[in-house]
N, C-alpha and C. Protein backbone atom coordinates (compact mmCIF):
# COMPACT_ATOMS: atom_id res chain seq x y z
N MET A 1 2.22 11.39 33.79
CA MET A 1 0.91 11.88 33.46
C MET A 1 0.09 10.76 32.84
N LYS A 2 -1.03 10.45 33.43
CA LYS A 2 -1.88 9.38 32.92
C LYS A 2 -2.80 9.91 31.84
N THR A 3 -2.99 9.08 30.83
CA THR A 3 -3.93 9.45 29.79
C THR A 3 -5.31 8.94 30.14
N ASN A 4 -6.28 9.50 29.51
CA ASN A 4 -7.66 9.16 29.76
C ASN A 4 -7.96 7.77 29.18
N PRO A 5 -8.51 6.82 29.98
CA PRO A 5 -8.83 5.50 29.45
C PRO A 5 -9.92 5.54 28.38
N ILE A 6 -10.77 6.55 28.44
CA ILE A 6 -11.81 6.69 27.41
C ILE A 6 -11.16 6.99 26.06
N PHE A 7 -10.12 7.82 26.06
CA PHE A 7 -9.39 8.12 24.83
C PHE A 7 -8.80 6.84 24.24
N LYS A 8 -8.25 6.00 25.09
CA LYS A 8 -7.64 4.75 24.62
C LYS A 8 -8.69 3.84 24.00
N LYS A 9 -9.86 3.77 24.61
CA LYS A 9 -10.94 2.94 24.07
C LYS A 9 -11.46 3.52 22.76
N ILE A 10 -11.51 4.83 22.66
CA ILE A 10 -11.95 5.47 21.42
C ILE A 10 -10.95 5.16 20.30
N MET A 11 -9.67 5.19 20.61
CA MET A 11 -8.65 4.87 19.61
C MET A 11 -8.81 3.44 19.09
N ILE A 12 -9.08 2.50 20.00
CA ILE A 12 -9.29 1.11 19.58
C ILE A 12 -10.55 1.03 18.71
N ALA A 13 -11.61 1.69 19.14
CA ALA A 13 -12.87 1.65 18.37
C ALA A 13 -12.68 2.25 16.98
N LEU A 14 -11.95 3.37 16.89
CA LEU A 14 -11.71 3.99 15.59
C LEU A 14 -10.85 3.10 14.70
N SER A 15 -9.90 2.39 15.29
CA SER A 15 -9.06 1.47 14.51
C SER A 15 -9.90 0.34 13.93
N VAL A 16 -10.76 -0.23 14.75
CA VAL A 16 -11.62 -1.33 14.28
C VAL A 16 -12.60 -0.81 13.23
N LEU A 17 -13.19 0.35 13.48
CA LEU A 17 -14.12 0.94 12.52
C LEU A 17 -13.44 1.22 11.19
N SER A 18 -12.22 1.71 11.22
CA SER A 18 -11.48 1.98 9.98
C SER A 18 -11.22 0.70 9.20
N LEU A 19 -10.85 -0.36 9.91
CA LEU A 19 -10.64 -1.65 9.24
C LEU A 19 -11.93 -2.15 8.60
N LEU A 20 -13.04 -2.04 9.31
CA LEU A 20 -14.32 -2.49 8.76
C LEU A 20 -14.73 -1.65 7.54
N MET A 21 -14.54 -0.35 7.63
CA MET A 21 -14.90 0.52 6.51
C MET A 21 -14.04 0.24 5.28
N LEU A 22 -12.74 0.03 5.48
CA LEU A 22 -11.87 -0.28 4.35
C LEU A 22 -12.22 -1.64 3.75
N SER A 23 -12.56 -2.60 4.60
CA SER A 23 -12.96 -3.92 4.09
C SER A 23 -14.22 -3.80 3.24
N ALA A 24 -15.21 -3.06 3.73
CA ALA A 24 -16.45 -2.88 2.98
C ALA A 24 -16.18 -2.14 1.67
N ALA A 25 -15.36 -1.10 1.71
CA ALA A 25 -15.07 -0.34 0.50
C ALA A 25 -14.34 -1.19 -0.53
N THR A 26 -13.44 -2.06 -0.07
CA THR A 26 -12.70 -2.92 -0.99
C THR A 26 -13.63 -3.93 -1.65
N VAL A 27 -14.51 -4.51 -0.87
CA VAL A 27 -15.45 -5.50 -1.42
C VAL A 27 -16.43 -4.82 -2.39
N LEU A 28 -16.87 -3.63 -2.04
CA LEU A 28 -17.86 -2.93 -2.86
C LEU A 28 -17.26 -2.07 -3.97
N LEU A 29 -15.96 -2.14 -4.16
CA LEU A 29 -15.30 -1.27 -5.14
C LEU A 29 -15.85 -1.42 -6.55
N PRO A 30 -16.04 -2.63 -7.08
CA PRO A 30 -16.63 -2.71 -8.43
C PRO A 30 -18.03 -2.09 -8.51
N GLU A 31 -18.84 -2.29 -7.48
CA GLU A 31 -20.18 -1.70 -7.45
C GLU A 31 -20.10 -0.17 -7.40
N LEU A 32 -19.20 0.35 -6.58
CA LEU A 32 -19.03 1.80 -6.48
C LEU A 32 -18.53 2.39 -7.80
N ALA A 33 -17.65 1.66 -8.48
CA ALA A 33 -17.16 2.13 -9.78
C ALA A 33 -18.30 2.16 -10.80
N GLY A 34 -19.18 1.16 -10.76
CA GLY A 34 -20.33 1.15 -11.66
C GLY A 34 -21.27 2.32 -11.39
N ARG A 35 -21.51 2.61 -10.13
CA ARG A 35 -22.36 3.76 -9.80
C ARG A 35 -21.72 5.07 -10.24
N TYR A 36 -20.41 5.18 -10.10
CA TYR A 36 -19.69 6.38 -10.55
C TYR A 36 -19.85 6.54 -12.06
N GLU A 37 -19.73 5.44 -12.79
CA GLU A 37 -19.91 5.49 -14.25
C GLU A 37 -21.31 5.97 -14.61
N ASN A 38 -22.32 5.49 -13.89
CA ASN A 38 -23.70 5.89 -14.18
C ASN A 38 -23.93 7.37 -13.88
N LEU A 39 -23.33 7.87 -12.81
CA LEU A 39 -23.55 9.27 -12.42
C LEU A 39 -22.81 10.26 -13.33
N THR A 40 -21.61 9.91 -13.73
CA THR A 40 -20.78 10.87 -14.45
C THR A 40 -20.63 10.58 -15.94
N ASN A 41 -21.10 9.44 -16.39
CA ASN A 41 -20.94 9.00 -17.78
C ASN A 41 -19.47 8.92 -18.18
N GLN A 42 -18.62 8.67 -17.21
CA GLN A 42 -17.19 8.45 -17.47
C GLN A 42 -16.87 7.01 -17.13
N ALA A 43 -16.19 6.35 -18.04
CA ALA A 43 -15.85 4.94 -17.82
C ALA A 43 -14.71 4.82 -16.82
N VAL A 44 -14.86 3.88 -15.90
CA VAL A 44 -13.80 3.54 -14.96
C VAL A 44 -13.23 2.20 -15.42
N GLY A 45 -12.00 2.24 -15.87
CA GLY A 45 -11.40 1.03 -16.42
C GLY A 45 -11.01 0.04 -15.35
N HIS A 46 -10.74 -1.16 -15.81
CA HIS A 46 -10.30 -2.22 -14.88
C HIS A 46 -8.95 -1.89 -14.26
N ARG A 47 -8.13 -1.14 -15.01
CA ARG A 47 -6.83 -0.76 -14.46
C ARG A 47 -6.98 0.12 -13.23
N VAL A 48 -7.96 1.00 -13.24
CA VAL A 48 -8.19 1.89 -12.10
C VAL A 48 -8.66 1.08 -10.90
N ILE A 49 -9.56 0.15 -11.14
CA ILE A 49 -10.06 -0.69 -10.04
C ILE A 49 -8.93 -1.54 -9.46
N ILE A 50 -8.10 -2.11 -10.32
CA ILE A 50 -6.96 -2.90 -9.84
C ILE A 50 -6.00 -2.02 -9.06
N PHE A 51 -5.76 -0.80 -9.54
CA PHE A 51 -4.88 0.12 -8.83
C PHE A 51 -5.43 0.43 -7.44
N LEU A 52 -6.72 0.70 -7.36
CA LEU A 52 -7.33 1.01 -6.07
C LEU A 52 -7.25 -0.17 -5.11
N ILE A 53 -7.43 -1.37 -5.63
CA ILE A 53 -7.31 -2.56 -4.77
C ILE A 53 -5.86 -2.72 -4.31
N LEU A 54 -4.91 -2.44 -5.21
CA LEU A 54 -3.49 -2.50 -4.81
C LEU A 54 -3.16 -1.50 -3.71
N THR A 55 -3.76 -0.33 -3.77
CA THR A 55 -3.48 0.67 -2.73
C THR A 55 -4.13 0.28 -1.40
N CYS A 56 -5.12 -0.59 -1.45
CA CYS A 56 -5.76 -1.05 -0.20
C CYS A 56 -4.87 -2.00 0.60
N VAL A 57 -3.98 -2.72 -0.07
CA VAL A 57 -3.15 -3.70 0.62
C VAL A 57 -2.25 -3.05 1.67
N PRO A 58 -1.43 -2.03 1.32
CA PRO A 58 -0.63 -1.40 2.37
C PRO A 58 -1.49 -0.65 3.39
N LEU A 59 -2.65 -0.17 2.94
CA LEU A 59 -3.53 0.52 3.87
C LEU A 59 -4.09 -0.44 4.91
N PHE A 60 -4.41 -1.67 4.50
CA PHE A 60 -4.84 -2.69 5.46
C PHE A 60 -3.73 -2.95 6.48
N ALA A 61 -2.49 -3.10 5.99
CA ALA A 61 -1.37 -3.35 6.90
C ALA A 61 -1.20 -2.20 7.89
N MET A 62 -1.35 -0.96 7.40
CA MET A 62 -1.23 0.19 8.30
C MET A 62 -2.33 0.19 9.35
N LEU A 63 -3.55 -0.10 8.94
CA LEU A 63 -4.66 -0.07 9.89
C LEU A 63 -4.54 -1.19 10.93
N ILE A 64 -4.04 -2.34 10.51
CA ILE A 64 -3.82 -3.43 11.48
C ILE A 64 -2.75 -3.00 12.49
N CYS A 65 -1.69 -2.36 12.00
CA CYS A 65 -0.66 -1.86 12.93
C CYS A 65 -1.22 -0.79 13.85
N PHE A 66 -2.07 0.09 13.33
CA PHE A 66 -2.69 1.10 14.18
C PHE A 66 -3.54 0.45 15.26
N LEU A 67 -4.26 -0.62 14.91
CA LEU A 67 -5.05 -1.33 15.91
C LEU A 67 -4.15 -1.93 16.98
N LYS A 68 -3.06 -2.56 16.55
CA LYS A 68 -2.13 -3.14 17.53
C LYS A 68 -1.48 -2.06 18.39
N LEU A 69 -1.16 -0.92 17.79
CA LEU A 69 -0.60 0.19 18.57
C LEU A 69 -1.62 0.72 19.57
N SER A 70 -2.88 0.79 19.16
CA SER A 70 -3.93 1.25 20.09
C SER A 70 -4.08 0.28 21.25
N LEU A 71 -4.00 -1.02 20.95
CA LEU A 71 -4.09 -2.01 22.03
C LEU A 71 -2.88 -1.91 22.96
N SER A 72 -1.69 -1.66 22.41
CA SER A 72 -0.51 -1.47 23.25
C SER A 72 -0.66 -0.24 24.14
N LEU A 73 -1.22 0.81 23.57
CA LEU A 73 -1.46 2.02 24.35
C LEU A 73 -2.45 1.75 25.46
N TYR A 74 -3.48 0.97 25.16
CA TYR A 74 -4.50 0.64 26.17
C TYR A 74 -3.90 -0.18 27.31
N LYS A 75 -2.94 -1.05 26.98
CA LYS A 75 -2.31 -1.90 27.99
C LYS A 75 -1.12 -1.22 28.66
N ASN A 76 -0.87 0.05 28.32
CA ASN A 76 0.27 0.81 28.84
C ASN A 76 1.60 0.11 28.53
N ALA A 77 1.68 -0.50 27.36
CA ALA A 77 2.90 -1.19 26.93
C ALA A 77 3.45 -0.52 25.68
N ILE A 78 3.47 0.80 25.68
CA ILE A 78 3.85 1.54 24.49
C ILE A 78 5.37 1.57 24.29
N PHE A 79 6.15 1.46 25.36
CA PHE A 79 7.60 1.52 25.24
C PHE A 79 8.19 0.12 25.11
N GLU A 80 7.85 -0.55 24.05
CA GLU A 80 8.37 -1.88 23.77
C GLU A 80 8.95 -1.90 22.36
N ASP A 81 9.78 -2.91 22.11
CA ASP A 81 10.37 -3.04 20.77
C ASP A 81 9.31 -3.28 19.71
N LYS A 82 8.25 -4.01 20.07
CA LYS A 82 7.18 -4.28 19.10
C LYS A 82 6.54 -2.99 18.61
N THR A 83 6.42 -2.02 19.47
CA THR A 83 5.80 -0.75 19.09
C THR A 83 6.63 -0.04 18.02
N ILE A 84 7.92 -0.01 18.23
CA ILE A 84 8.80 0.64 17.26
C ILE A 84 8.78 -0.11 15.93
N LYS A 85 8.72 -1.43 15.98
CA LYS A 85 8.64 -2.22 14.74
C LYS A 85 7.32 -1.96 14.02
N ARG A 86 6.23 -1.85 14.77
CA ARG A 86 4.93 -1.58 14.14
C ARG A 86 4.91 -0.20 13.48
N ILE A 87 5.53 0.76 14.12
CA ILE A 87 5.58 2.09 13.52
C ILE A 87 6.45 2.07 12.27
N LYS A 88 7.50 1.25 12.28
CA LYS A 88 8.33 1.12 11.08
C LYS A 88 7.53 0.47 9.95
N VAL A 89 6.66 -0.50 10.27
CA VAL A 89 5.80 -1.11 9.25
C VAL A 89 4.87 -0.05 8.66
N VAL A 90 4.31 0.80 9.52
CA VAL A 90 3.44 1.87 9.03
C VAL A 90 4.21 2.79 8.10
N GLN A 91 5.44 3.11 8.48
CA GLN A 91 6.26 3.98 7.64
C GLN A 91 6.53 3.31 6.28
N CYS A 92 6.88 2.04 6.28
CA CYS A 92 7.14 1.33 5.02
C CYS A 92 5.89 1.26 4.15
N CYS A 93 4.75 1.01 4.77
CA CYS A 93 3.50 0.97 4.02
C CYS A 93 3.17 2.34 3.43
N ALA A 94 3.45 3.38 4.18
CA ALA A 94 3.22 4.73 3.66
C ALA A 94 4.14 5.02 2.48
N LEU A 95 5.37 4.53 2.54
CA LEU A 95 6.28 4.71 1.42
C LEU A 95 5.82 3.92 0.19
N VAL A 96 5.25 2.74 0.40
CA VAL A 96 4.68 1.97 -0.72
C VAL A 96 3.52 2.76 -1.34
N GLU A 97 2.68 3.34 -0.49
CA GLU A 97 1.57 4.16 -0.99
C GLU A 97 2.12 5.36 -1.78
N VAL A 98 3.18 5.98 -1.29
CA VAL A 98 3.79 7.09 -2.02
C VAL A 98 4.23 6.62 -3.41
N GLY A 99 4.88 5.47 -3.46
CA GLY A 99 5.32 4.94 -4.75
C GLY A 99 4.15 4.67 -5.69
N LEU A 100 3.09 4.08 -5.17
CA LEU A 100 1.92 3.81 -6.00
C LEU A 100 1.29 5.09 -6.54
N TYR A 101 1.20 6.11 -5.69
CA TYR A 101 0.58 7.35 -6.14
C TYR A 101 1.50 8.19 -7.01
N ILE A 102 2.81 8.04 -6.87
CA ILE A 102 3.72 8.68 -7.84
C ILE A 102 3.48 8.08 -9.22
N TYR A 103 3.34 6.76 -9.25
CA TYR A 103 3.00 6.08 -10.50
C TYR A 103 1.68 6.62 -11.05
N ALA A 104 0.68 6.79 -10.18
CA ALA A 104 -0.63 7.26 -10.62
C ALA A 104 -0.56 8.69 -11.16
N VAL A 105 0.26 9.53 -10.55
CA VAL A 105 0.37 10.91 -11.01
C VAL A 105 0.95 10.95 -12.42
N PHE A 106 1.90 10.06 -12.72
CA PHE A 106 2.49 10.06 -14.06
C PHE A 106 1.59 9.39 -15.09
N VAL A 107 0.88 8.34 -14.70
CA VAL A 107 0.04 7.62 -15.64
C VAL A 107 -1.28 8.36 -15.88
N ARG A 108 -1.88 8.85 -14.80
CA ARG A 108 -3.18 9.51 -14.90
C ARG A 108 -3.16 10.76 -14.02
N PRO A 109 -2.55 11.82 -14.53
CA PRO A 109 -2.40 13.02 -13.70
C PRO A 109 -3.76 13.64 -13.33
N SER A 110 -3.89 13.91 -12.07
CA SER A 110 -5.08 14.61 -11.60
C SER A 110 -4.77 15.26 -10.26
N LEU A 111 -5.62 16.15 -9.88
CA LEU A 111 -5.44 16.84 -8.61
C LEU A 111 -5.61 15.88 -7.44
N LEU A 112 -6.54 14.93 -7.55
CA LEU A 112 -6.77 13.98 -6.48
C LEU A 112 -5.55 13.10 -6.23
N SER A 113 -4.91 12.62 -7.29
CA SER A 113 -3.70 11.81 -7.12
C SER A 113 -2.60 12.60 -6.44
N ALA A 114 -2.45 13.85 -6.82
CA ALA A 114 -1.43 14.69 -6.20
C ALA A 114 -1.74 14.94 -4.72
N ALA A 115 -3.02 15.11 -4.40
CA ALA A 115 -3.41 15.35 -3.01
C ALA A 115 -3.15 14.11 -2.16
N VAL A 116 -3.50 12.95 -2.67
CA VAL A 116 -3.27 11.70 -1.94
C VAL A 116 -1.77 11.46 -1.80
N LEU A 117 -1.01 11.77 -2.84
CA LEU A 117 0.44 11.64 -2.77
C LEU A 117 1.01 12.52 -1.67
N ALA A 118 0.57 13.75 -1.60
CA ALA A 118 1.05 14.65 -0.55
C ALA A 118 0.68 14.12 0.83
N GLY A 119 -0.53 13.60 0.97
CA GLY A 119 -0.97 13.04 2.25
C GLY A 119 -0.15 11.85 2.68
N THR A 120 0.17 10.96 1.75
CA THR A 120 0.96 9.79 2.12
C THR A 120 2.40 10.17 2.45
N ILE A 121 2.93 11.18 1.78
CA ILE A 121 4.28 11.65 2.14
C ILE A 121 4.27 12.20 3.56
N ILE A 122 3.24 12.95 3.91
CA ILE A 122 3.14 13.49 5.26
C ILE A 122 3.05 12.37 6.29
N VAL A 123 2.25 11.33 5.99
CA VAL A 123 2.14 10.19 6.91
C VAL A 123 3.49 9.51 7.07
N SER A 124 4.21 9.35 5.98
CA SER A 124 5.52 8.71 6.06
C SER A 124 6.49 9.52 6.92
N LEU A 125 6.53 10.81 6.72
CA LEU A 125 7.41 11.66 7.52
C LEU A 125 6.99 11.66 8.99
N PHE A 126 5.69 11.74 9.22
CA PHE A 126 5.16 11.76 10.58
C PHE A 126 5.53 10.47 11.33
N THR A 127 5.38 9.33 10.66
CA THR A 127 5.71 8.06 11.33
C THR A 127 7.19 7.92 11.59
N SER A 128 8.02 8.46 10.71
CA SER A 128 9.47 8.37 10.97
C SER A 128 9.84 9.21 12.19
N ILE A 129 9.20 10.37 12.33
CA ILE A 129 9.47 11.21 13.50
C ILE A 129 8.98 10.52 14.77
N ILE A 130 7.77 9.96 14.72
CA ILE A 130 7.20 9.26 15.89
C ILE A 130 8.09 8.07 16.28
N ARG A 131 8.58 7.35 15.27
CA ARG A 131 9.43 6.18 15.56
C ARG A 131 10.69 6.61 16.29
N GLU A 132 11.30 7.70 15.85
CA GLU A 132 12.51 8.19 16.52
C GLU A 132 12.21 8.64 17.95
N ILE A 133 11.09 9.32 18.13
CA ILE A 133 10.72 9.78 19.47
C ILE A 133 10.48 8.58 20.39
N LEU A 134 9.79 7.57 19.88
CA LEU A 134 9.54 6.38 20.70
C LEU A 134 10.82 5.63 21.02
N ALA A 135 11.73 5.57 20.06
CA ALA A 135 13.01 4.90 20.33
C ALA A 135 13.76 5.62 21.45
N GLU A 136 13.77 6.94 21.40
CA GLU A 136 14.41 7.71 22.48
C GLU A 136 13.68 7.51 23.80
N GLY A 137 12.36 7.55 23.76
CA GLY A 137 11.56 7.35 24.97
C GLY A 137 11.77 5.98 25.57
N LYS A 138 11.94 4.96 24.71
CA LYS A 138 12.18 3.60 25.19
C LYS A 138 13.51 3.53 25.92
N GLU A 139 14.51 4.20 25.39
CA GLU A 139 15.82 4.21 26.05
C GLU A 139 15.72 4.87 27.43
N TYR A 140 15.05 6.01 27.50
CA TYR A 140 14.87 6.69 28.79
C TYR A 140 14.06 5.83 29.76
N TYR A 141 13.05 5.16 29.24
CA TYR A 141 12.19 4.31 30.06
C TYR A 141 13.01 3.16 30.65
N GLU A 142 13.84 2.52 29.82
CA GLU A 142 14.67 1.42 30.32
C GLU A 142 15.71 1.91 31.31
N ASP A 143 16.29 3.09 31.05
CA ASP A 143 17.27 3.64 31.97
C ASP A 143 16.63 3.96 33.33
N SER A 144 15.42 4.49 33.30
CA SER A 144 14.76 4.83 34.56
C SER A 144 14.35 3.56 35.32
N ARG A 145 14.02 2.50 34.64
CA ARG A 145 13.67 1.25 35.30
C ARG A 145 14.91 0.62 35.94
N LEU A 146 16.05 0.76 35.28
CA LEU A 146 17.29 0.19 35.80
C LEU A 146 17.82 0.97 36.99
N SER A 147 17.58 2.28 37.01
CA SER A 147 18.14 3.09 38.08
C SER A 147 17.34 2.97 39.38
N ILE A 148 16.16 2.46 39.33
CA ILE A 148 15.34 2.31 40.55
C ILE A 148 15.67 1.01 41.17
């Protein structure tokens, strides 16, 4: 079953757009924190800004892997070892995010930290399932290529 090439191009565009948006948000983070302070009269400490920048690092790695996965999908090269390794990188980055947000929940408990923690756990579980499915699919793909 062939997938729609427009879908593949949209995936690449969304990956690039996500990287650009995260880059802009990271650069503008101090400015955004200042605006938040002005609107709510609540101080945003340097520790919070540093924490947010730290959480951007694994997110950048995940988005770069998503872009590479989208390009592999576009080239119909999804059943390769590189794909499984990229998904494993996404899983590891999601686990790092889980660790960072577990720290955040204990240091500064809030509903938002708990929600982000739950989301990153779901991403980690989802990527581990996808990695296993792709590993199985790669084996079937290689077996079918050898039998022809």
